[in-house]
């Protein structure tokens, strides 16, 4: 399984959510995206977006003012 890292430290809304959704769209199903952000509202927006779009996520930690979230791209529904 591949994992892409997206460093969004210093970015404020709406940039973190826009860049996260663009990065997830480019990933193959099952891949992971590690998002790093220091903006608390971005953490809320990104996790709500994941929930609405069915992408499992896990908030890893908060170190030195940076939140780290792993997002796993879900598989498209089968036909």
C-alpha atoms as a PDB file:
ATOM      1  CA  UNK A   1       0.000   0.000   0.000  1.00  0.00           C
ATOM      2  CA  UNK A   2       1.418   3.385  -0.962  1.00  0.00           C
ATOM      3  CA  UNK A   3       1.269   6.493   1.201  1.00  0.00           C
ATOM      4  CA  UNK A   4       1.580  10.081  -0.003  1.00  0.00           C
ATOM      5  CA  UNK A   5       2.469  12.882   2.438  1.00  0.00           C
ATOM      6  CA  UNK A   6       0.731  16.248   2.107  1.00  0.00           C
ATOM      7  CA  UNK A   7       2.362  19.048   4.129  1.00  0.00           C
ATOM      8  CA  UNK A   8      -0.216  21.783   4.676  1.00  0.00           C
ATOM      9  CA  UNK A   9       1.512  23.527   7.575  1.00  0.00           C
ATOM     10  CA  UNK A  10       0.974  27.276   7.286  1.00  0.00           C
ATOM     11  CA  UNK A  11      -2.037  26.949   4.959  1.00  0.00           C
ATOM     12  CA  UNK A  12      -5.458  28.266   6.008  1.00  0.00           C
ATOM     13  CA  UNK A  13      -8.947  27.535   4.708  1.00  0.00           C
ATOM     14  CA  UNK A  14      -9.977  26.725   2.096  1.00  0.00           C
ATOM     15  CA  UNK A  15      -6.563  25.559   0.847  1.00  0.00           C
ATOM     16  CA  UNK A  16      -6.080  22.479   3.099  1.00  0.00           C
ATOM     17  CA  UNK A  17      -9.426  20.920   2.164  1.00  0.00           C
ATOM     18  CA  UNK A  18      -8.994  21.724  -1.529  1.00  0.00           C
ATOM     19  CA  UNK A  19      -5.501  20.226  -1.687  1.00  0.00           C
ATOM     20  CA  UNK A  20      -6.565  17.191   0.362  1.00  0.00           C
ATOM     21  CA  UNK A  21      -9.547  16.413  -1.888  1.00  0.00           C
ATOM     22  CA  UNK A  22      -7.375  16.846  -5.003  1.00  0.00           C
ATOM     23  CA  UNK A  23      -4.696  14.532  -3.594  1.00  0.00           C
ATOM     24  CA  UNK A  24      -7.212  11.848  -2.603  1.00  0.00           C
ATOM     25  CA  UNK A  25      -8.779  12.005  -6.081  1.00  0.00           C
ATOM     26  CA  UNK A  26      -5.395  11.154  -7.632  1.00  0.00           C
ATOM     27  CA  UNK A  27      -4.770   8.159  -5.355  1.00  0.00           C
ATOM     28  CA  UNK A  28      -5.646   4.600  -6.330  1.00  0.00           C
ATOM     29  CA  UNK A  29      -8.226   2.929  -4.041  1.00  0.00           C
ATOM     30  CA  UNK A  30      -6.708   1.571  -0.854  1.00  0.00           C
ATOM     31  CA  UNK A  31      -3.819   4.052  -0.850  1.00  0.00           C
ATOM     32  CA  UNK A  32      -3.180   6.348   2.073  1.00  0.00           C
ATOM     33  CA  UNK A  33      -2.609  10.067   2.393  1.00  0.00           C
ATOM     34  CA  UNK A  34      -0.836  11.498   5.428  1.00  0.00           C
ATOM     35  CA  UNK A  35      -1.993  15.077   5.942  1.00  0.00           C
ATOM     36  CA  UNK A  36      -0.093  17.439   8.224  1.00  0.00           C
ATOM     37  CA  UNK A  37      -1.727  20.728   9.224  1.00  0.00           C
ATOM     38  CA  UNK A  38      -1.330  23.286  11.979  1.00  0.00           C
ATOM     39  CA  UNK A  39      -4.749  24.840  11.400  1.00  0.00           C
ATOM     40  CA  UNK A  40      -7.413  23.358  13.737  1.00  0.00           C
ATOM     41  CA  UNK A  41     -10.336  24.283  11.466  1.00  0.00           C
ATOM     42  CA  UNK A  42      -8.667  22.413   8.591  1.00  0.00           C
ATOM     43  CA  UNK A  43      -8.570  19.282  10.735  1.00  0.00           C
ATOM     44  CA  UNK A  44     -12.325  19.575  11.312  1.00  0.00           C
ATOM     45  CA  UNK A  45     -13.072  20.284   7.645  1.00  0.00           C
ATOM     46  CA  UNK A  46     -10.894  17.440   6.370  1.00  0.00           C
ATOM     47  CA  UNK A  47     -12.297  14.813   8.750  1.00  0.00           C
ATOM     48  CA  UNK A  48     -15.889  15.886   7.992  1.00  0.00           C
ATOM     49  CA  UNK A  49     -15.133  15.661   4.264  1.00  0.00           C
ATOM     50  CA  UNK A  50     -13.694  12.151   4.763  1.00  0.00           C
ATOM     51  CA  UNK A  51     -16.823  11.057   6.633  1.00  0.00           C
ATOM     52  CA  UNK A  52     -19.148  12.444   3.929  1.00  0.00           C
ATOM     53  CA  UNK A  53     -17.175  10.766   1.142  1.00  0.00           C
ATOM     54  CA  UNK A  54     -16.649   7.435   2.897  1.00  0.00           C
ATOM     55  CA  UNK A  55     -12.871   7.648   3.296  1.00  0.00           C
ATOM     56  CA  UNK A  56     -11.697   6.058   6.554  1.00  0.00           C
ATOM     57  CA  UNK A  57      -9.360   8.289   8.539  1.00  0.00           C
ATOM     58  CA  UNK A  58      -7.380   8.275  11.753  1.00  0.00           C
ATOM     59  CA  UNK A  59      -6.057  11.281  13.637  1.00  0.00           C
ATOM     60  CA  UNK A  60      -2.582  10.139  14.617  1.00  0.00           C
ATOM     61  CA  UNK A  61      -1.317  12.826  16.943  1.00  0.00           C
ATOM     62  CA  UNK A  62      -0.670  16.476  17.642  1.00  0.00           C
ATOM     63  CA  UNK A  63       3.036  17.254  17.969  1.00  0.00           C
ATOM     64  CA  UNK A  64       4.760  20.609  18.012  1.00  0.00           C
ATOM     65  CA  UNK A  65       1.549  22.293  16.920  1.00  0.00           C
ATOM     66  CA  UNK A  66       0.962  19.992  13.932  1.00  0.00           C
ATOM     67  CA  UNK A  67      -1.977  17.612  13.514  1.00  0.00           C
ATOM     68  CA  UNK A  68      -1.324  14.418  11.523  1.00  0.00           C
ATOM     69  CA  UNK A  69      -4.185  12.547   9.872  1.00  0.00           C
ATOM     70  CA  UNK A  70      -4.076   9.372   7.768  1.00  0.00           C
ATOM     71  CA  UNK A  71      -6.777   9.109   5.118  1.00  0.00           C
ATOM     72  CA  UNK A  72      -7.385   5.870   3.246  1.00  0.00           C
ATOM     73  CA  UNK A  73      -9.007   6.252  -0.142  1.00  0.00           C
ATOM     74  CA  UNK A  74     -12.098   4.080  -0.301  1.00  0.00           C
ATOM     75  CA  UNK A  75     -12.844   1.736  -3.160  1.00  0.00           C
ATOM     76  CA  UNK A  76     -15.546   2.780  -5.620  1.00  0.00           C
ATOM     77  CA  UNK A  77     -18.872   0.961  -5.196  1.00  0.00           C
ATOM     78  CA  UNK A  78     -19.096  -2.289  -7.148  1.00  0.00           C
ATOM     79  CA  UNK A  79     -21.547  -2.479  -9.999  1.00  0.00           C
END
